């Protein structure tokens, strides 16, 4: 509280924001990029450590224009070491597409223990864990593991090698929510040729929500997903049937199809409905490009 003299009267100013409860202040700080939230530690001793208890951290490279890409990645790592909250609900890292590689295994060990949702956006080269120099990965387990991670969101992310993608998924045994949008699982060899499609075997038995849009590589789920509630697929036409084979327990299904796939998928779903005893509800949205099917045709197909 401070006072200044205005004319003949003393006017008193009260720091109302600092008098708010810690929980409310932390919630407000969680709405800001971490670089701005950390700046509040300079206000007073009361604010000095508040940002360290934030349950939601947002690292946005664009908010730090004076830092180099390497400097920003190092800033992420060092500030995460100072984080003290017992649970990190959401960690968001958004780089710029021309940035340096992001190596997830370089993050502090505490992140792998307490992180619940990881969101990565605009990562040019994502590396999970590095093999020893001059060696390739073995078939062993990843060097680190996200023990509490239940949500993984990747948008505009490229992996240096498809192995990094598979190892990241295998390091998240409790995944319940997966969102992939424009994910490249291997770096292109040239600017003229697209990267070759490789088989990517992953296991997510605890998955409840799945959304995949525009991903390179052919995803193969090696285990059933009995808890799956909803799935949204916008994938290459050649992968549609692969996904339908493992979506035997899904309750809500949204598929974006090309016109020549519609009949094939409808026949498959008809068979699925006849033989799946635990199939409760199926909601299917068909987005047909260059073709529109009459509603009467779709509604009478499963009769």
Protein backbone atom coordinates (compact mmCIF):
# COMPACT_ATOMS: atom_id res chain seq x y z
CA UNK A 1 0.00 0.00 0.00
CA UNK A 2 1.41 3.41 -0.94
CA UNK A 3 0.29 7.02 -0.67
CA UNK A 4 0.92 10.13 -2.76
CA UNK A 5 -0.11 13.70 -2.17
CA UNK A 6 -2.52 15.21 -4.68
CA UNK A 7 -3.24 18.89 -3.91
CA UNK A 8 -4.15 18.97 -0.24
CA UNK A 9 -5.35 15.34 0.01
CA UNK A 10 -3.47 12.13 0.48
CA UNK A 11 -4.51 9.47 -2.03
CA UNK A 12 -3.82 5.86 -1.05
CA UNK A 13 -3.28 3.09 -3.61
CA UNK A 14 -3.83 -0.52 -2.65
CA UNK A 15 -2.28 -3.49 -4.49
CA UNK A 16 -5.55 -5.39 -4.79
CA UNK A 17 -4.17 -8.06 -7.16
CA UNK A 18 -1.38 -9.11 -4.80
CA UNK A 19 -3.95 -9.56 -2.04
CA UNK A 20 -5.75 -12.26 -4.00
CA UNK A 21 -5.33 -15.90 -2.88
CA UNK A 22 -2.37 -17.82 -4.32
CA UNK A 23 -4.64 -20.29 -6.10
CA UNK A 24 -6.36 -17.53 -8.03
CA UNK A 25 -3.10 -15.79 -8.93
CA UNK A 26 -1.61 -19.05 -10.16
CA UNK A 27 -4.69 -19.65 -12.30
CA UNK A 28 -4.30 -16.19 -13.84
CA UNK A 29 -0.60 -16.76 -14.52
CA UNK A 30 -1.40 -20.07 -16.22
CA UNK A 31 -3.15 -18.12 -18.98
CA UNK A 32 0.13 -16.44 -19.96
CA UNK A 33 3.17 -17.74 -21.84
CA UNK A 34 5.77 -18.86 -19.32
CA UNK A 35 8.18 -16.06 -20.28
CA UNK A 36 5.60 -13.43 -19.28
CA UNK A 37 4.57 -15.31 -16.14
CA UNK A 38 8.19 -15.47 -14.98
CA UNK A 39 8.53 -11.70 -15.36
CA UNK A 40 5.98 -11.23 -12.56
CA UNK A 41 8.56 -12.61 -10.12
CA UNK A 42 10.22 -9.17 -10.29
CA UNK A 43 7.16 -7.38 -8.89
CA UNK A 44 7.66 -8.26 -5.24
CA UNK A 45 8.68 -11.08 -2.92
CA UNK A 46 5.06 -12.26 -2.88
CA UNK A 47 5.26 -12.97 -6.64
CA UNK A 48 8.76 -14.39 -6.62
CA UNK A 49 7.85 -18.08 -6.64
CA UNK A 50 4.23 -18.10 -7.77
CA UNK A 51 5.03 -19.10 -11.36
CA UNK A 52 6.87 -22.20 -10.09
CA UNK A 53 3.53 -23.59 -8.88
CA UNK A 54 1.65 -23.13 -12.15
CA UNK A 55 -0.09 -26.39 -13.22
CA UNK A 56 -0.16 -25.27 -16.88
CA UNK A 57 3.00 -24.12 -18.68
CA UNK A 58 3.02 -22.58 -22.17
CA UNK A 59 6.31 -22.11 -23.98
CA UNK A 60 5.81 -20.02 -27.13
CA UNK A 61 8.99 -19.15 -29.00
CA UNK A 62 7.31 -16.22 -30.72
CA UNK A 63 6.83 -14.53 -27.33
CA UNK A 64 10.63 -14.34 -26.92
CA UNK A 65 11.78 -12.50 -30.07
CA UNK A 66 15.18 -11.59 -28.59
CA UNK A 67 16.17 -15.25 -28.07
CA UNK A 68 17.75 -17.52 -30.63
CA UNK A 69 16.06 -20.86 -31.29
CA UNK A 70 18.77 -22.69 -29.38
CA UNK A 71 18.50 -20.19 -26.55
CA UNK A 72 14.73 -20.66 -26.30
CA UNK A 73 15.02 -24.46 -26.15
CA UNK A 74 17.62 -24.08 -23.39
CA UNK A 75 15.29 -21.63 -21.61
CA UNK A 76 12.56 -24.30 -21.67
CA UNK A 77 14.85 -26.89 -20.13
CA UNK A 78 16.25 -24.65 -17.39
CA UNK A 79 12.95 -23.12 -16.33
CA UNK A 80 11.34 -26.57 -16.13
CA UNK A 81 14.05 -27.52 -13.65
CA UNK A 82 12.73 -24.78 -11.34
CA UNK A 83 9.11 -25.92 -11.52
CA UNK A 84 7.86 -27.03 -8.08
CA UNK A 85 4.18 -27.94 -8.47
CA UNK A 86 3.49 -31.60 -7.58
CA UNK A 87 1.48 -32.08 -10.79
CA UNK A 88 2.07 -30.54 -14.21
CA UNK A 89 -1.34 -30.77 -15.87
CA UNK A 90 -0.36 -29.43 -19.30
CA UNK A 91 2.94 -28.58 -20.95
CA UNK A 92 2.72 -26.76 -24.28
CA UNK A 93 5.79 -26.09 -26.42
CA UNK A 94 5.31 -24.13 -29.63
CA UNK A 95 8.41 -23.41 -31.67
CA UNK A 96 8.92 -21.85 -35.07
CA UNK A 97 9.34 -24.15 -38.04
CA UNK A 98 12.92 -23.04 -38.65
CA UNK A 99 13.95 -23.86 -35.07
CA UNK A 100 16.61 -26.29 -33.90
CA UNK A 101 15.68 -29.90 -32.98
CA UNK A 102 13.79 -30.45 -29.74
CA UNK A 103 15.15 -33.40 -27.74
CA UNK A 104 12.50 -34.54 -25.26
CA UNK A 105 14.86 -36.72 -23.23
CA UNK A 106 16.82 -33.57 -22.30
CA UNK A 107 13.87 -32.32 -20.24
CA UNK A 108 14.18 -32.65 -16.44
CA UNK A 109 13.31 -36.01 -14.92
CA UNK A 110 10.51 -34.41 -12.89
CA UNK A 111 8.63 -33.65 -16.12
CA UNK A 112 8.48 -37.35 -16.98
CA UNK A 113 7.15 -38.12 -13.51
CA UNK A 114 4.33 -35.56 -13.15
CA UNK A 115 3.26 -34.41 -16.64
CA UNK A 116 -0.33 -35.30 -17.60
CA UNK A 117 -0.83 -33.68 -21.04
CA UNK A 118 1.91 -32.82 -23.55
CA UNK A 119 1.17 -30.51 -26.50
CA UNK A 120 3.83 -29.91 -29.15
CA UNK A 121 3.23 -27.49 -32.02
CA UNK A 122 5.33 -26.47 -35.01
CA UNK A 123 8.36 -28.62 -34.21
CA UNK A 124 10.61 -28.93 -37.24
CA UNK A 125 12.65 -31.83 -35.88
CA UNK A 126 11.48 -33.75 -32.82
CA UNK A 127 13.86 -36.20 -31.19
CA UNK A 128 12.74 -38.41 -28.33
CA UNK A 129 16.00 -39.88 -27.04
CA UNK A 130 19.37 -39.99 -28.74
CA UNK A 131 21.22 -43.29 -29.32
CA UNK A 132 24.93 -43.42 -28.45
CA UNK A 133 27.13 -41.82 -31.14
CA UNK A 134 27.54 -44.04 -34.17
CA UNK A 135 24.97 -46.58 -32.96
CA UNK A 136 21.39 -47.40 -33.82
CA UNK A 137 18.54 -47.99 -31.42
CA UNK A 138 18.13 -51.49 -30.09
CA UNK A 139 14.75 -53.11 -29.56
CA UNK A 140 14.90 -52.29 -25.86
CA UNK A 141 12.69 -49.90 -23.94
CA UNK A 142 13.11 -46.12 -24.26
CA UNK A 143 15.64 -44.52 -21.93
CA UNK A 144 12.92 -42.37 -20.32
CA UNK A 145 9.22 -42.87 -19.67
CA UNK A 146 6.27 -40.52 -19.15
CA UNK A 147 4.84 -42.21 -16.07
CA UNK A 148 1.72 -40.04 -15.76
CA UNK A 149 1.10 -38.85 -19.33
CA UNK A 150 -2.48 -39.37 -20.48
CA UNK A 151 -2.74 -36.87 -23.33
CA UNK A 152 -0.44 -36.36 -26.34
CA UNK A 153 -1.20 -33.67 -28.93
CA UNK A 154 1.11 -33.19 -31.93
CA UNK A 155 0.43 -30.56 -34.59
CA UNK A 156 2.80 -29.67 -37.42
CA UNK A 157 5.52 -31.89 -35.98
CA UNK A 158 8.28 -33.69 -37.90
CA UNK A 159 10.38 -36.49 -36.46
CA UNK A 160 13.98 -36.92 -37.58
CA UNK A 161 13.36 -40.64 -37.88
CA UNK A 162 10.28 -42.86 -37.61
CA UNK A 163 11.90 -44.66 -34.67
CA UNK A 164 11.59 -41.50 -32.59
CA UNK A 165 7.84 -41.50 -33.15
CA UNK A 166 7.45 -45.15 -32.14
CA UNK A 167 9.70 -44.74 -29.11
CA UNK A 168 7.74 -41.69 -27.94
CA UNK A 169 4.47 -43.62 -28.06
CA UNK A 170 5.97 -46.64 -26.30
CA UNK A 171 7.22 -44.33 -23.54
CA UNK A 172 3.62 -43.30 -22.75
CA UNK A 173 1.97 -46.48 -21.39
CA UNK A 174 -1.06 -44.68 -19.93
CA UNK A 175 -2.14 -42.69 -23.00
CA UNK A 176 -5.89 -42.01 -23.11
CA UNK A 177 -6.13 -39.05 -25.50
CA UNK A 178 -4.16 -38.84 -28.77
CA UNK A 179 -4.36 -36.03 -31.32
CA UNK A 180 -2.11 -36.03 -34.41
CA UNK A 181 -2.44 -33.28 -37.01
CA UNK A 182 0.11 -32.93 -39.83
CA UNK A 183 2.73 -35.24 -38.38
CA UNK A 184 5.69 -36.39 -40.44
CA UNK A 185 7.34 -39.52 -39.11
CA UNK A 186 10.49 -39.20 -41.19
CA UNK A 187 12.37 -36.32 -42.76
CA UNK A 188 12.05 -36.00 -46.55
CA UNK A 189 15.10 -37.04 -48.55
CA UNK A 190 14.65 -34.32 -51.16
CA UNK A 191 12.34 -31.39 -51.69
CA UNK A 192 10.91 -33.08 -54.79
CA UNK A 193 10.03 -36.54 -53.49
CA UNK A 194 7.74 -37.29 -50.51
CA UNK A 195 9.20 -39.48 -47.75
CA UNK A 196 8.51 -43.21 -48.12
CA UNK A 197 5.65 -44.63 -46.09
CA UNK A 198 6.89 -47.00 -43.42
CA UNK A 199 4.98 -49.25 -41.07
CA UNK A 200 4.78 -47.73 -37.59
CA UNK A 201 3.80 -50.27 -34.93
CA UNK A 202 2.47 -48.70 -31.74
CA UNK A 203 0.56 -49.93 -28.71
CA UNK A 204 -2.02 -47.80 -26.85
CA UNK A 205 -4.31 -50.21 -24.95
CA UNK A 206 -5.65 -47.51 -22.58
CA UNK A 207 -6.73 -45.12 -25.33
CA UNK A 208 -10.15 -43.44 -25.02
CA UNK A 209 -9.99 -40.65 -27.61
CA UNK A 210 -8.21 -40.81 -30.95
CA UNK A 211 -7.96 -38.10 -33.60
CA UNK A 212 -5.61 -38.48 -36.56
CA UNK A 213 -5.30 -36.08 -39.47
CA UNK A 214 -2.65 -36.07 -42.18
CA UNK A 215 0.13 -38.31 -40.89
CA UNK A 216 2.90 -39.88 -42.96
CA UNK A 217 3.66 -43.53 -42.42
CA UNK A 218 1.28 -46.44 -41.97
CA UNK A 219 0.10 -46.74 -38.38
CA UNK A 220 -0.44 -50.26 -37.08
CA UNK A 221 -1.94 -50.64 -33.60
CA UNK A 222 -0.57 -53.88 -32.17
CA UNK A 223 -3.11 -54.18 -29.34
CA UNK A 224 -6.88 -53.75 -29.08
CA UNK A 225 -8.29 -50.61 -27.52
CA UNK A 226 -11.33 -51.81 -25.53
CA UNK A 227 -11.83 -48.44 -23.79
CA UNK A 228 -12.01 -46.36 -26.96
CA UNK A 229 -14.94 -43.91 -26.84
CA UNK A 230 -14.46 -41.66 -29.87
CA UNK A 231 -12.29 -41.67 -32.97
CA UNK A 232 -11.87 -39.15 -35.79
CA UNK A 233 -9.90 -40.20 -38.87
CA UNK A 234 -8.66 -38.07 -41.76
CA UNK A 235 -6.01 -40.35 -43.20
CA UNK A 236 -4.73 -41.63 -46.50
CA UNK A 237 -7.34 -43.83 -48.22
CA UNK A 238 -5.01 -46.85 -48.04
CA UNK A 239 -5.06 -46.69 -44.22
CA UNK A 240 -8.82 -46.53 -43.63
CA UNK A 241 -9.37 -50.28 -43.54
CA UNK A 242 -6.37 -50.76 -41.20
CA UNK A 243 -7.95 -48.44 -38.64
CA UNK A 244 -11.41 -49.94 -38.92
CA UNK A 245 -10.08 -53.38 -37.99
CA UNK A 246 -9.00 -52.18 -34.55
CA UNK A 247 -11.95 -49.85 -33.83
CA UNK A 248 -14.20 -52.68 -32.67
CA UNK A 249 -15.24 -51.01 -29.39
CA UNK A 250 -15.54 -47.37 -30.44
CA UNK A 251 -18.81 -45.61 -29.59
CA UNK A 252 -18.49 -42.54 -31.83
CA UNK A 253 -16.69 -42.67 -35.15
CA UNK A 254 -16.02 -39.82 -37.59
CA UNK A 255 -14.35 -40.71 -40.89
CA UNK A 256 -13.44 -38.37 -43.73
CA UNK A 257 -13.52 -40.39 -46.94
CA UNK A 258 -12.90 -40.12 -50.61
CA UNK A 259 -15.88 -41.00 -52.79
CA UNK A 260 -14.44 -44.31 -53.96
CA UNK A 261 -14.07 -45.52 -50.35
CA UNK A 262 -17.63 -44.98 -49.16
CA UNK A 263 -19.18 -48.26 -50.34
CA UNK A 264 -16.26 -50.34 -49.07
CA UNK A 265 -16.41 -48.77 -45.61
CA UNK A 266 -20.19 -49.13 -45.37
CA UNK A 267 -19.97 -52.85 -46.07
CA UNK A 268 -17.27 -53.22 -43.44
CA UNK A 269 -19.29 -51.32 -40.83
CA UNK A 270 -22.38 -53.40 -41.60
CA UNK A 271 -20.38 -56.54 -40.83
CA UNK A 272 -19.00 -54.91 -37.70
CA UNK A 273 -22.46 -54.04 -36.42
CA UNK A 274 -23.71 -57.59 -36.96
CA UNK A 275 -20.89 -59.36 -35.13
CA UNK A 276 -19.87 -56.95 -32.36
CA UNK A 277 -21.95 -57.61 -29.22
CA UNK A 278 -20.54 -54.67 -27.31
CA UNK A 279 -20.93 -52.05 -29.99
CA UNK A 280 -23.24 -49.51 -28.32
CA UNK A 281 -23.58 -46.51 -30.59
CA UNK A 282 -22.03 -45.60 -33.90
CA UNK A 283 -22.15 -42.05 -35.18
CA UNK A 284 -20.48 -41.78 -38.55
CA UNK A 285 -19.96 -38.61 -40.51
CA UNK A 286 -19.00 -39.20 -44.12
CA UNK A 287 -17.26 -36.31 -45.80
CA UNK A 288 -17.20 -37.35 -49.45
CA UNK A 289 -15.09 -35.36 -51.83
CA UNK A 290 -16.44 -34.92 -55.34
CA UNK A 291 -19.48 -37.03 -54.46
CA UNK A 292 -22.66 -36.67 -52.39
CA UNK A 293 -24.69 -39.72 -51.37
CA UNK A 294 -28.45 -39.40 -50.74
CA UNK A 295 -29.45 -39.53 -47.07
CA UNK A 296 -32.04 -42.19 -47.97
CA UNK A 297 -29.27 -44.44 -49.30
CA UNK A 298 -27.17 -44.17 -46.13
CA UNK A 299 -30.09 -44.60 -43.75
CA UNK A 300 -31.35 -47.71 -45.54
CA UNK A 301 -28.00 -49.39 -45.89
CA UNK A 302 -27.90 -50.98 -42.45
CA UNK A 303 -31.50 -52.29 -42.56
